[in-house]
Amino acid sequence: MGEGTLLIRADANVAMGTGHVMRCLALGQAWQDAGGRCVFAMSASTPAVDRRLKEEGMGIEHLDVAAGRPEDAKETAYVASKKAAEWIVVDGYQFDSEYQSAIKAAEFKLLFIDDNSQAGPYRADLVLNQNTHARSSFYAKSEPSTRLLLGPRYALLRREFRGWRNWQREIPAVGRKILVTMGGSDANNLTAKVLDAFRELSRPNLETVVMVGGSNPHLCSLKASIQKESMRLITDATNVPELMAWADVAVAGAGTTFWEMCFLGLPGILLVLAENQTHVAETAGKMGIACSLGNAPDVSVSTIAGKLAALLDSRDARMSQSEKGRKLVDGRGAERVVAFLSGLELRRTVASDCEVFWEWANDPEARAASFNGKVISWEDHSQWFRAKLGDPQALFYTANKDGQPVGEVRYQISGKRAVLSISLGERFRGRGWGQKILAVGAERVFQDTEVEFIDAYVKPSNQASLKLFAGAGFQRFPSEVVEGQEGVHFVLERHDRSL
């Protein structure tokens, strides 16, 4: 990808909250980690949001325009041109189909982050909807070239969560540590309502941490209320994963925080703070990932207290929610999205690819990694290659970057499972292309077939591949015998098939 620039068009204020910007921050961090630079173009923000973006090394361009209007698209395209942006990312409900068309007319590649399919017909190159209720049918009226990234595989979590991927939660018999977070602004002061529910519980051994954003207009009154009780108030927390790991239960809005709770297996109660959170909360409730209480202003204090008491007292309920949440979100969503922004093209393999694949297959490093380490003759390779191209159960892809072959990936399908093999050209190894190919390839397989599990087998001595599959979100299973040798078994499951 190089040192290209990603321009993100998103806003934040007390009324709309900070969710759009915070999930885009996660994408910007992943882009930075891949070697790029990120700039936010904003027509509305808060001092706290600006401060956070600058701390993360993000550039900020403030726009003096009405959000979503033609002048906005024109100014955004101008900033993108000035910054030599490779992609423009747009996130917000004020941006519609005409806005997308204007960005595309300015000849920029566009990623549109969506929630409720309210901005069609879609003109973007990529549409990302990380929600559990996302369906391809939502985007029937899209450009033929528009690619869809749907479901929690693409949940955007910030960099600070990555170190917690292998952390294991302990579920106590009775919960007593509670985390409260009603988003970055909480204009309606729903935090105070939740705290009233805690007081109704009358449990002296509870420990409570209340997280509020620096944009919260009720900060002073909350501080005054909490001072007299055994609660901690934290503003603009920088250690959110630690706080979520500490807590036994959360009471939270059904926005960005929900995906973080899933990742860390934190059971909880969800309140709908804005209309766009309704589907998220309802689906989470149906899937048993959290207790969904619906629209926050309509929920009584007694209802919150009752549901919280039941969850604190039921270890089985908390354990079930925790396991389902962790299964849904693996924390690699931002890296997967960046793979699609990297310029990698995955096309069906054709006959003219045969020779370069043969060269890759006979590379000494490739032979050492194979379960059959013998050198492959041209005759044997050509016969095998033709057979794979003609096999309806074999998906064979060539990965290109700027028109040049980078690697290949193939899937041998049997029912709901597919066995994966991957190889890279020698000069493309160790540069992150393997994980990008796996991310883009998995999306193709899961979208185009009924496959629910992708299997891969690796020799125990092949440290590069062991690291590759673990880093791509594959789960390691007990070893199996492959061609008479031990093979480490990795599996990638499509968790959202039933959504």
Protein backbone atom coordinates (compact mmCIF):
# COMPACT_ATOMS: atom_id res chain seq x y z
CA MET A 1 0.00 0.00 0.00
CA GLY A 2 2.86 2.37 0.66
CA GLU A 3 2.51 5.74 2.30
CA GLY A 4 -0.87 6.70 0.83
CA THR A 5 -3.49 8.85 2.55
CA LEU A 6 -6.93 7.78 3.71
CA LEU A 7 -9.44 10.65 3.97
CA ILE A 8 -12.32 10.03 6.38
CA ARG A 9 -15.46 12.18 6.22
CA ALA A 10 -17.32 11.85 9.54
CA ASP A 11 -18.76 14.18 12.18
CA ALA A 12 -19.36 14.20 15.92
CA ASN A 13 -21.30 16.45 18.29
CA VAL A 14 -23.46 16.22 21.42
CA ALA A 15 -26.63 15.47 19.46
CA MET A 16 -25.31 12.72 17.15
CA GLY A 17 -22.66 11.36 19.53
CA THR A 18 -19.17 10.20 18.67
CA GLY A 19 -19.79 6.68 17.37
CA HIS A 20 -19.19 7.41 13.69
CA VAL A 21 -15.84 9.04 14.37
CA MET A 22 -14.69 6.42 16.87
CA ARG A 23 -15.28 3.47 14.57
CA CYS A 24 -13.57 5.38 11.76
CA LEU A 25 -10.67 5.98 14.14
CA ALA A 26 -10.26 2.20 14.34
CA LEU A 27 -10.09 2.00 10.55
CA GLY A 28 -7.64 4.89 10.45
CA GLN A 29 -5.38 3.15 12.97
CA ALA A 30 -5.35 -0.04 10.88
CA TRP A 31 -4.48 2.05 7.81
CA GLN A 32 -1.63 3.67 9.76
CA ASP A 33 -0.37 0.26 10.83
CA ALA A 34 -0.23 -0.76 7.16
CA GLY A 35 2.02 2.23 6.45
CA GLY A 36 -0.44 4.95 5.48
CA ARG A 37 -1.54 8.35 6.73
CA CYS A 38 -5.07 9.27 7.83
CA VAL A 39 -6.89 12.61 7.72
CA PHE A 40 -10.39 13.38 9.06
CA ALA A 41 -12.54 15.95 7.25
CA MET A 42 -15.20 17.23 9.66
CA SER A 43 -17.96 19.84 9.58
CA ALA A 44 -18.84 19.15 13.23
CA SER A 45 -16.67 17.99 16.10
CA THR A 46 -15.95 18.55 19.79
CA PRO A 47 -12.75 19.54 21.58
CA ALA A 48 -12.54 16.07 23.14
CA VAL A 49 -12.84 14.33 19.76
CA ASP A 50 -10.27 16.65 18.16
CA ARG A 51 -7.89 16.00 21.01
CA ARG A 52 -8.26 12.22 20.68
CA LEU A 53 -7.68 12.26 16.93
CA LYS A 54 -4.56 14.37 17.27
CA GLU A 55 -3.22 12.09 19.99
CA GLU A 56 -3.62 9.20 17.55
CA GLY A 57 -1.63 11.00 14.86
CA MET A 58 -4.65 11.76 12.69
CA GLY A 59 -4.82 14.93 10.63
CA ILE A 60 -7.95 17.09 10.90
CA GLU A 61 -9.47 19.37 8.25
CA HIS A 62 -12.49 21.38 9.47
CA LEU A 63 -15.09 22.05 6.76
CA ASP A 64 -17.30 25.16 6.82
CA VAL A 65 -20.20 23.51 4.99
CA ALA A 66 -23.63 22.00 5.71
CA ALA A 67 -23.08 18.26 6.16
CA GLY A 68 -24.22 16.09 3.26
CA ARG A 69 -24.96 18.94 0.87
CA PRO A 70 -23.39 19.30 -2.61
CA GLU A 71 -20.96 21.89 -1.21
CA ASP A 72 -19.82 19.30 1.32
CA ALA A 73 -19.03 16.75 -1.40
CA LYS A 74 -17.17 19.37 -3.41
CA GLU A 75 -15.11 20.50 -0.42
CA THR A 76 -14.39 16.91 0.65
CA ALA A 77 -13.16 16.06 -2.85
CA TYR A 78 -10.97 19.18 -2.81
CA VAL A 79 -9.37 18.17 0.50
CA ALA A 80 -8.89 14.62 -0.79
CA SER A 81 -7.14 15.97 -3.87
CA LYS A 82 -4.96 18.28 -1.79
CA LYS A 83 -3.96 15.36 0.46
CA ALA A 84 -3.48 12.95 -2.48
CA ALA A 85 -5.94 10.53 -0.86
CA GLU A 86 -6.12 6.97 -2.19
CA TRP A 87 -9.60 6.43 -0.74
CA ILE A 88 -12.38 8.53 0.76
CA VAL A 89 -14.32 6.94 3.63
CA VAL A 90 -17.78 8.38 4.38
CA ASP A 91 -19.67 7.59 7.59
CA GLY A 92 -22.89 9.33 8.66
CA TYR A 93 -26.63 9.42 8.06
CA GLN A 94 -26.47 12.83 6.42
CA PHE A 95 -24.70 11.38 3.38
CA ASP A 96 -26.96 10.01 0.61
CA SER A 97 -26.77 8.51 -2.87
CA GLU A 98 -26.21 11.89 -4.52
CA TYR A 99 -23.29 12.56 -2.20
CA GLN A 100 -21.75 9.23 -3.20
CA SER A 101 -22.25 10.08 -6.87
CA ALA A 102 -20.50 13.42 -6.42
CA ILE A 103 -17.48 11.78 -4.79
CA LYS A 104 -17.29 9.18 -7.55
CA ALA A 105 -17.65 11.86 -10.22
CA ALA A 106 -14.54 13.47 -8.74
CA GLU A 107 -12.76 10.18 -9.56
CA PHE A 108 -12.06 9.00 -6.02
CA LYS A 109 -12.43 5.49 -4.69
CA LEU A 110 -15.15 5.45 -2.04
CA LEU A 111 -15.86 3.32 1.02
CA PHE A 112 -19.32 4.02 2.46
CA ILE A 113 -19.92 2.88 6.06
CA ASP A 114 -23.58 2.06 6.52
CA ASP A 115 -25.97 0.82 9.21
CA ASN A 116 -29.56 0.76 8.02
CA SER A 117 -29.34 0.86 4.20
CA GLN A 118 -30.79 4.37 4.20
CA ALA A 119 -28.49 5.87 1.54
CA GLY A 120 -29.32 3.89 -1.61
CA PRO A 121 -28.98 3.44 -4.45
CA TYR A 122 -25.33 2.89 -3.54
CA ARG A 123 -22.57 4.23 -5.80
CA ALA A 124 -19.56 3.44 -3.61
CA ASP A 125 -16.80 0.99 -4.52
CA LEU A 126 -17.20 -0.66 -1.10
CA VAL A 127 -20.12 -0.64 1.32
CA LEU A 128 -19.38 -1.73 4.89
CA ASN A 129 -22.20 -2.73 7.24
CA GLN A 130 -20.76 -4.40 10.33
CA ASN A 131 -24.11 -5.10 11.95
CA THR A 132 -25.60 -8.50 12.69
CA HIS A 133 -28.74 -7.61 10.75
CA ALA A 134 -26.85 -6.71 7.54
CA ARG A 135 -28.10 -8.54 4.41
CA SER A 136 -26.99 -8.37 0.79
CA SER A 137 -30.67 -7.85 -0.12
CA PHE A 138 -30.45 -4.40 1.50
CA TYR A 139 -28.16 -3.34 -1.34
CA ALA A 140 -29.97 -4.73 -4.37
CA LYS A 141 -30.00 -1.21 -5.84
CA SER A 142 -26.26 -0.74 -6.08
CA GLU A 143 -23.76 -0.33 -8.87
CA PRO A 144 -22.69 -3.72 -10.30
CA SER A 145 -19.12 -2.94 -9.24
CA THR A 146 -20.06 -2.21 -5.62
CA ARG A 147 -18.61 -4.77 -3.22
CA LEU A 148 -20.28 -5.51 0.11
CA LEU A 149 -18.52 -6.13 3.42
CA LEU A 150 -21.27 -7.36 5.70
CA GLY A 151 -21.49 -8.56 9.28
CA PRO A 152 -19.44 -8.55 12.49
CA ARG A 153 -16.38 -10.02 10.74
CA TYR A 154 -15.80 -6.37 9.84
CA ALA A 155 -16.60 -4.82 13.23
CA LEU A 156 -14.19 -1.90 13.63
CA LEU A 157 -12.33 -2.06 16.95
CA ARG A 158 -9.61 0.36 17.92
CA ARG A 159 -5.94 -0.55 18.24
CA GLU A 160 -6.09 -0.66 22.07
CA PHE A 161 -8.15 -3.87 21.92
CA ARG A 162 -5.67 -5.91 19.88
CA GLY A 163 -3.57 -7.01 22.85
CA TRP A 164 -6.63 -8.68 24.40
CA ARG A 165 -7.32 -11.25 21.67
CA ASN A 166 -6.21 -14.24 23.71
CA TRP A 167 -7.45 -13.00 27.07
CA GLN A 168 -9.86 -15.32 28.90
CA ARG A 169 -12.69 -14.01 31.07
CA GLU A 170 -13.51 -15.53 34.44
CA ILE A 171 -17.23 -15.70 35.23
CA PRO A 172 -17.90 -15.42 38.98
CA ALA A 173 -20.85 -17.12 40.64
CA VAL A 174 -22.42 -13.73 41.43
CA GLY A 175 -21.56 -10.58 39.54
CA ARG A 176 -20.81 -7.43 41.46
CA LYS A 177 -18.62 -5.23 39.22
CA ILE A 178 -20.62 -3.08 36.80
CA LEU A 179 -19.51 -0.83 33.95
CA VAL A 180 -21.85 1.92 32.75
CA THR A 181 -21.42 3.71 29.43
CA MET A 182 -24.07 5.61 27.51
CA GLY A 183 -21.87 6.76 24.65
CA GLY A 184 -19.60 9.72 24.07
CA SER A 185 -22.17 12.48 24.61
CA ASP A 186 -25.41 11.22 26.28
CA ALA A 187 -27.41 14.36 25.56
CA ASN A 188 -30.47 13.01 27.40
CA ASN A 189 -28.51 12.12 30.56
CA LEU A 190 -29.52 8.47 30.49
CA THR A 191 -26.50 7.72 32.66
CA ALA A 192 -28.34 9.32 35.58
CA LYS A 193 -31.33 7.07 34.94
CA VAL A 194 -29.15 3.96 35.03
CA LEU A 195 -27.55 5.08 38.30
CA ASP A 196 -31.01 5.50 39.81
CA ALA A 197 -31.64 1.84 38.92
CA PHE A 198 -28.47 0.84 40.77
CA ARG A 199 -29.66 2.63 43.87
CA GLU A 200 -32.92 0.69 43.70
CA LEU A 201 -30.94 -2.58 43.89
CA SER A 202 -29.74 -1.85 47.43
CA ARG A 203 -26.72 -4.15 47.15
CA PRO A 204 -23.90 -2.84 49.35
CA ASN A 205 -21.13 -4.92 47.73
CA LEU A 206 -21.49 -3.56 44.18
CA GLU A 207 -18.56 -1.81 42.52
CA THR A 208 -19.45 0.57 39.71
CA VAL A 209 -17.40 2.42 37.11
CA VAL A 210 -19.17 5.06 35.03
CA MET A 211 -17.53 5.98 31.72
CA VAL A 212 -18.54 9.27 30.11
CA GLY A 213 -17.19 11.14 27.13
CA GLY A 214 -15.66 14.58 27.37
CA SER A 215 -18.59 15.84 25.26
CA ASN A 216 -21.14 14.92 27.95
CA PRO A 217 -23.08 18.11 28.86
CA HIS A 218 -24.14 16.64 32.22
CA LEU A 219 -20.66 15.97 33.53
CA CYS A 220 -20.88 18.34 36.52
CA SER A 221 -24.19 16.95 37.79
CA LEU A 222 -22.95 13.37 37.41
CA LYS A 223 -19.82 14.15 39.41
CA ALA A 224 -21.90 15.68 42.18
CA SER A 225 -24.23 12.68 42.24
CA ILE A 226 -21.48 10.08 42.33
CA GLN A 227 -19.31 11.75 44.97
CA LYS A 228 -21.50 10.45 47.77
CA GLU A 229 -21.44 6.82 46.63
CA SER A 230 -18.96 4.01 45.99
CA MET A 231 -18.76 4.70 42.28
CA ARG A 232 -15.93 5.85 40.03
CA LEU A 233 -16.46 8.35 37.25
CA ILE A 234 -13.99 8.23 34.36
CA THR A 235 -13.97 10.84 31.62
CA ASP A 236 -12.54 10.05 28.16
CA ALA A 237 -11.18 6.69 29.30
CA THR A 238 -7.96 5.60 27.62
CA ASN A 239 -8.05 2.09 29.11
CA VAL A 240 -11.45 0.87 27.92
CA PRO A 241 -10.34 -2.77 27.40
CA GLU A 242 -9.01 -2.91 30.98
CA LEU A 243 -12.28 -1.56 32.34
CA MET A 244 -14.30 -4.03 30.31
CA ALA A 245 -12.05 -6.88 31.47
CA TRP A 246 -12.53 -5.73 35.08
CA ALA A 247 -16.33 -5.64 34.88
CA ASP A 248 -18.67 -8.59 35.35
CA VAL A 249 -21.58 -6.87 33.60
CA ALA A 250 -22.10 -3.73 31.52
CA VAL A 251 -25.08 -1.46 31.07
CA ALA A 252 -24.46 0.25 27.75
CA GLY A 253 -25.86 1.87 24.66
CA ALA A 254 -26.16 -0.39 21.62
CA GLY A 255 -23.59 1.49 19.57
CA THR A 256 -19.85 1.04 19.08
CA THR A 257 -19.51 -0.19 22.67
CA PHE A 258 -21.55 -3.30 21.89
CA TRP A 259 -18.87 -4.68 19.54
CA GLU A 260 -16.20 -4.04 22.16
CA MET A 261 -18.30 -5.93 24.72
CA CYS A 262 -18.65 -8.85 22.33
CA PHE A 263 -14.92 -8.98 21.70
CA LEU A 264 -14.12 -9.12 25.42
CA GLY A 265 -17.01 -11.40 26.27
CA LEU A 266 -18.62 -8.84 28.57
CA PRO A 267 -22.26 -9.72 29.34
CA GLY A 268 -24.65 -6.86 29.63
CA ILE A 269 -27.83 -4.90 29.23
CA LEU A 270 -28.31 -2.82 26.08
CA LEU A 271 -30.33 0.37 25.84
CA VAL A 272 -31.21 1.97 22.51
CA LEU A 273 -29.89 5.54 22.58
CA ALA A 274 -30.67 6.41 18.95
CA GLU A 275 -32.94 5.00 16.27
CA ASN A 276 -30.03 3.50 14.32
CA GLN A 277 -29.24 1.22 17.29
CA THR A 278 -32.65 -0.49 17.31
CA HIS A 279 -31.78 -3.37 14.99
CA VAL A 280 -28.46 -3.98 16.73
CA ALA A 281 -30.09 -4.27 20.15
CA GLU A 282 -32.99 -6.40 18.93
CA THR A 283 -30.71 -8.86 17.13
CA ALA A 284 -28.35 -9.05 20.10
CA GLY A 285 -31.30 -9.95 22.31
CA LYS A 286 -32.58 -12.61 19.92
CA MET A 287 -29.11 -14.15 19.65
CA GLY A 288 -28.70 -14.19 23.43
CA ILE A 289 -25.60 -11.96 23.37
CA ALA A 290 -27.12 -9.31 25.66
CA CYS A 291 -30.36 -8.34 27.40
CA SER A 292 -32.04 -5.78 25.15
CA LEU A 293 -34.43 -3.39 26.91
CA GLY A 294 -35.34 -1.25 23.91
CA ASN A 295 -35.63 2.51 23.67
CA ALA A 296 -33.85 3.99 26.70
CA PRO A 297 -36.23 6.88 27.48
CA ASP A 298 -39.16 4.41 27.56
CA VAL A 299 -37.53 1.94 29.95
CA SER A 300 -38.40 2.33 33.62
CA VAL A 301 -35.80 2.48 36.38
CA SER A 302 -37.40 -0.60 37.95
CA THR A 303 -37.07 -2.57 34.72
CA ILE A 304 -33.36 -1.79 34.48
CA ALA A 305 -32.88 -2.73 38.14
CA GLY A 306 -34.76 -6.01 37.75
CA LYS A 307 -32.91 -7.13 34.62
CA LEU A 308 -29.57 -6.16 36.14
CA ALA A 309 -30.26 -8.10 39.35
CA ALA A 310 -31.23 -11.19 37.35
CA LEU A 311 -28.08 -11.02 35.23
CA LEU A 312 -25.81 -10.46 38.23
CA ASP A 313 -27.31 -13.49 39.95
CA SER A 314 -27.18 -15.89 36.98
CA ARG A 315 -23.73 -17.22 36.18
CA ASP A 316 -25.18 -19.37 33.39
CA ALA A 317 -26.74 -16.37 31.64
CA ARG A 318 -23.53 -14.36 31.87
CA MET A 319 -21.42 -17.26 30.63
CA SER A 320 -23.74 -17.86 27.67
CA GLN A 321 -23.71 -14.19 26.65
CA SER A 322 -19.94 -14.04 27.01
CA GLU A 323 -19.29 -17.07 24.81
CA LYS A 324 -21.68 -15.96 22.08
CA GLY A 325 -20.23 -12.45 21.98
CA ARG A 326 -16.63 -13.64 21.68
CA LYS A 327 -17.63 -16.02 18.91
CA LEU A 328 -19.18 -13.17 16.94
CA VAL A 329 -16.36 -10.58 17.06
CA ASP A 330 -12.68 -11.51 16.80
CA GLY A 331 -11.25 -7.98 16.74
CA ARG A 332 -9.71 -8.20 13.25
CA GLY A 333 -12.41 -6.31 11.37
CA ALA A 334 -10.38 -3.16 10.70
CA GLU A 335 -7.47 -5.14 9.26
CA ARG A 336 -9.88 -7.03 6.99
CA VAL A 337 -11.33 -3.79 5.66
CA VAL A 338 -7.84 -2.40 5.00
CA ALA A 339 -7.15 -5.52 2.92
CA PHE A 340 -9.90 -4.39 0.55
CA LEU A 341 -8.45 -0.86 0.44
CA SER A 342 -4.94 -2.09 -0.38
CA GLY A 343 -5.39 -2.40 -4.13
CA LEU A 344 -5.36 -6.19 -4.04
CA GLU A 345 -7.41 -7.78 -6.83
CA LEU A 346 -8.58 -11.37 -6.51
CA ARG A 347 -9.63 -12.83 -9.86
CA ARG A 348 -10.45 -16.34 -11.00
CA THR A 349 -7.34 -18.18 -12.12
CA VAL A 350 -6.92 -18.71 -15.89
CA ALA A 351 -4.78 -21.01 -18.04
CA SER A 352 -2.07 -18.38 -18.56
CA ASP A 353 -1.32 -18.45 -14.80
CA CYS A 354 -0.01 -22.01 -15.02
CA GLU A 355 3.70 -21.23 -15.49
CA VAL A 356 4.07 -18.66 -12.71
CA PHE A 357 2.24 -20.98 -10.30
CA TRP A 358 4.68 -23.77 -11.22
CA GLU A 359 7.61 -21.48 -10.48
CA TRP A 360 6.13 -20.53 -7.10
CA ALA A 361 5.38 -24.17 -6.26
CA ASN A 362 8.98 -25.23 -6.88
CA ASP A 363 10.54 -22.43 -4.89
CA PRO A 364 12.71 -24.10 -2.19
CA GLU A 365 10.82 -22.38 0.63
CA ALA A 366 7.49 -23.51 -0.81
CA ARG A 367 8.67 -27.11 -1.16
CA ALA A 368 9.93 -27.11 2.43
CA ALA A 369 6.52 -25.92 3.65
CA SER A 370 4.61 -28.52 1.63
CA PHE A 371 3.52 -31.89 3.01
CA ASN A 372 5.00 -33.36 -0.17
CA GLY A 373 8.42 -31.80 -0.51
CA LYS A 374 9.38 -33.32 -3.86
CA VAL A 375 10.13 -31.05 -6.83
CA ILE A 376 7.11 -30.92 -9.18
CA SER A 377 7.65 -31.64 -12.86
CA TRP A 378 6.08 -29.39 -15.48
CA GLU A 379 4.03 -32.31 -16.82
CA ASP A 380 2.60 -33.18 -13.39
CA HIS A 381 1.89 -29.53 -12.60
CA SER A 382 0.18 -28.87 -15.94
CA GLN A 383 -2.05 -31.93 -15.53
CA TRP A 384 -2.96 -30.94 -11.95
CA PHE A 385 -3.57 -27.31 -12.97
CA ARG A 386 -5.94 -28.23 -15.81
CA ALA A 387 -7.84 -30.57 -13.50
CA LYS A 388 -8.32 -27.84 -10.88
CA LEU A 389 -9.55 -25.34 -13.46
CA GLY A 390 -12.14 -27.88 -14.59
CA ASP A 391 -13.22 -28.98 -11.10
CA PRO A 392 -16.56 -27.36 -10.11
CA GLN A 393 -15.71 -27.94 -6.44
CA ALA A 394 -12.40 -26.05 -6.68
CA LEU A 395 -12.27 -22.25 -6.33
CA PHE A 396 -8.95 -21.07 -7.72
CA TYR A 397 -7.97 -17.40 -7.42
CA THR A 398 -4.99 -15.34 -8.52
CA ALA A 399 -4.09 -12.31 -6.39
CA ASN A 400 -2.88 -9.29 -8.37
CA LYS A 401 -1.44 -5.96 -7.28
CA ASP A 402 -1.20 -3.29 -9.98
CA GLY A 403 -1.71 -6.01 -12.60
CA GLN A 404 1.14 -8.16 -11.31
CA PRO A 405 0.59 -11.62 -9.75
CA VAL A 406 1.31 -11.58 -6.01
CA GLY A 407 0.07 -15.01 -5.00
CA GLU A 408 -2.65 -17.61 -5.35
CA VAL A 409 -5.27 -19.13 -3.08
CA ARG A 410 -7.52 -22.10 -3.72
CA TYR A 411 -10.40 -23.74 -1.91
CA GLN A 412 -11.45 -27.37 -2.35
CA ILE A 413 -15.11 -27.51 -1.38
CA SER A 414 -16.82 -30.49 0.22
CA GLY A 415 -20.30 -29.74 1.51
CA LYS A 416 -20.16 -26.92 4.05
CA ARG A 417 -16.36 -27.04 4.33
CA ALA A 418 -13.48 -25.94 2.12
CA VAL A 419 -9.79 -26.82 2.46
CA LEU A 420 -7.56 -23.82 1.73
CA SER A 421 -4.09 -23.65 0.19
CA ILE A 422 -2.14 -20.43 -0.37
CA SER A 423 1.20 -19.48 -1.85
CA LEU A 424 2.99 -16.19 -2.53
CA GLY A 425 5.64 -15.10 -4.94
CA GLU A 426 9.04 -15.02 -3.23
CA ARG A 427 9.44 -11.24 -3.24
CA PHE A 428 5.97 -10.67 -1.79
CA ARG A 429 6.47 -12.77 1.35
CA GLY A 430 6.76 -11.16 4.75
CA ARG A 431 5.01 -7.97 3.62
CA GLY A 432 1.47 -8.62 4.84
CA TRP A 433 0.04 -9.80 1.52
CA GLY A 434 -0.80 -13.25 2.86
CA GLN A 435 -3.31 -11.91 5.40
CA LYS A 436 -4.83 -9.60 2.78
CA ILE A 437 -5.32 -12.51 0.39
CA LEU A 438 -6.89 -14.63 3.14
CA ALA A 439 -9.27 -11.79 4.09
CA VAL A 440 -10.43 -11.07 0.55
CA GLY A 441 -10.58 -14.76 -0.34
CA ALA A 442 -12.71 -15.68 2.69
CA GLU A 443 -15.18 -12.95 1.79
CA ARG A 444 -15.51 -14.34 -1.74
CA VAL A 445 -16.04 -17.89 -0.49
CA PHE A 446 -18.57 -16.92 2.17
CA GLN A 447 -20.53 -14.70 -0.25
CA ASP A 448 -20.50 -16.98 -3.28
CA THR A 449 -20.93 -20.44 -1.72
CA GLU A 450 -22.67 -22.26 1.13
CA VAL A 451 -19.34 -22.93 2.85
CA GLU A 452 -19.43 -22.36 6.61
CA PHE A 453 -15.94 -23.55 7.58
CA ILE A 454 -12.59 -22.97 5.89
CA ASP A 455 -9.89 -25.47 6.91
CA ALA A 456 -6.12 -25.10 6.55
CA TYR A 457 -3.33 -27.52 7.47
CA VAL A 458 0.21 -26.42 8.30
CA LYS A 459 3.42 -28.31 9.09
CA PRO A 460 4.46 -27.63 12.71
CA SER A 461 7.86 -26.42 11.48
CA ASN A 462 6.31 -23.80 9.19
CA GLN A 463 6.41 -20.85 11.59
CA ALA A 464 5.50 -18.27 8.93
CA SER A 465 2.24 -20.03 8.05
CA LEU A 466 1.38 -20.74 11.69
CA LYS A 467 1.67 -17.02 12.34
CA LEU A 468 -0.23 -16.16 9.14
CA PHE A 469 -3.34 -18.19 9.95
CA ALA A 470 -3.43 -17.22 13.62
CA GLY A 471 -3.12 -13.55 12.63
CA ALA A 472 -5.94 -13.90 10.10
CA GLY A 473 -8.40 -15.03 12.77
CA PHE A 474 -8.28 -18.80 12.16
CA GLN A 475 -8.79 -20.91 15.28
CA ARG A 476 -6.21 -23.58 16.04
CA PHE A 477 -7.51 -27.12 16.55
CA PRO A 478 -5.74 -30.40 17.45
CA SER A 479 -3.28 -31.64 14.84
CA GLU A 480 -4.27 -34.23 12.25
CA VAL A 481 -2.37 -36.58 9.96
CA VAL A 482 -1.91 -35.10 6.47
CA GLU A 483 -0.17 -37.25 3.83
CA GLY A 484 1.42 -39.27 6.61
CA GLN A 485 2.68 -36.23 8.53
CA GLU A 486 1.47 -34.14 11.43
CA GLY A 487 -0.54 -31.13 10.28
CA VAL A 488 -1.68 -28.27 12.53
CA HIS A 489 -5.37 -27.73 11.81
CA PHE A 490 -6.75 -24.17 11.51
CA VAL A 491 -10.43 -23.31 10.99
CA LEU A 492 -12.17 -20.08 10.03
CA GLU A 493 -15.91 -20.22 10.72
CA ARG A 494 -18.54 -18.04 9.18
CA HIS A 495 -20.38 -17.11 12.37
CA ASP A 496 -22.96 -14.88 10.73
CA ARG A 497 -24.45 -17.55 8.44
CA SER A 498 -27.58 -17.76 10.62
CA LEU A 499 -28.07 -14.02 10.97
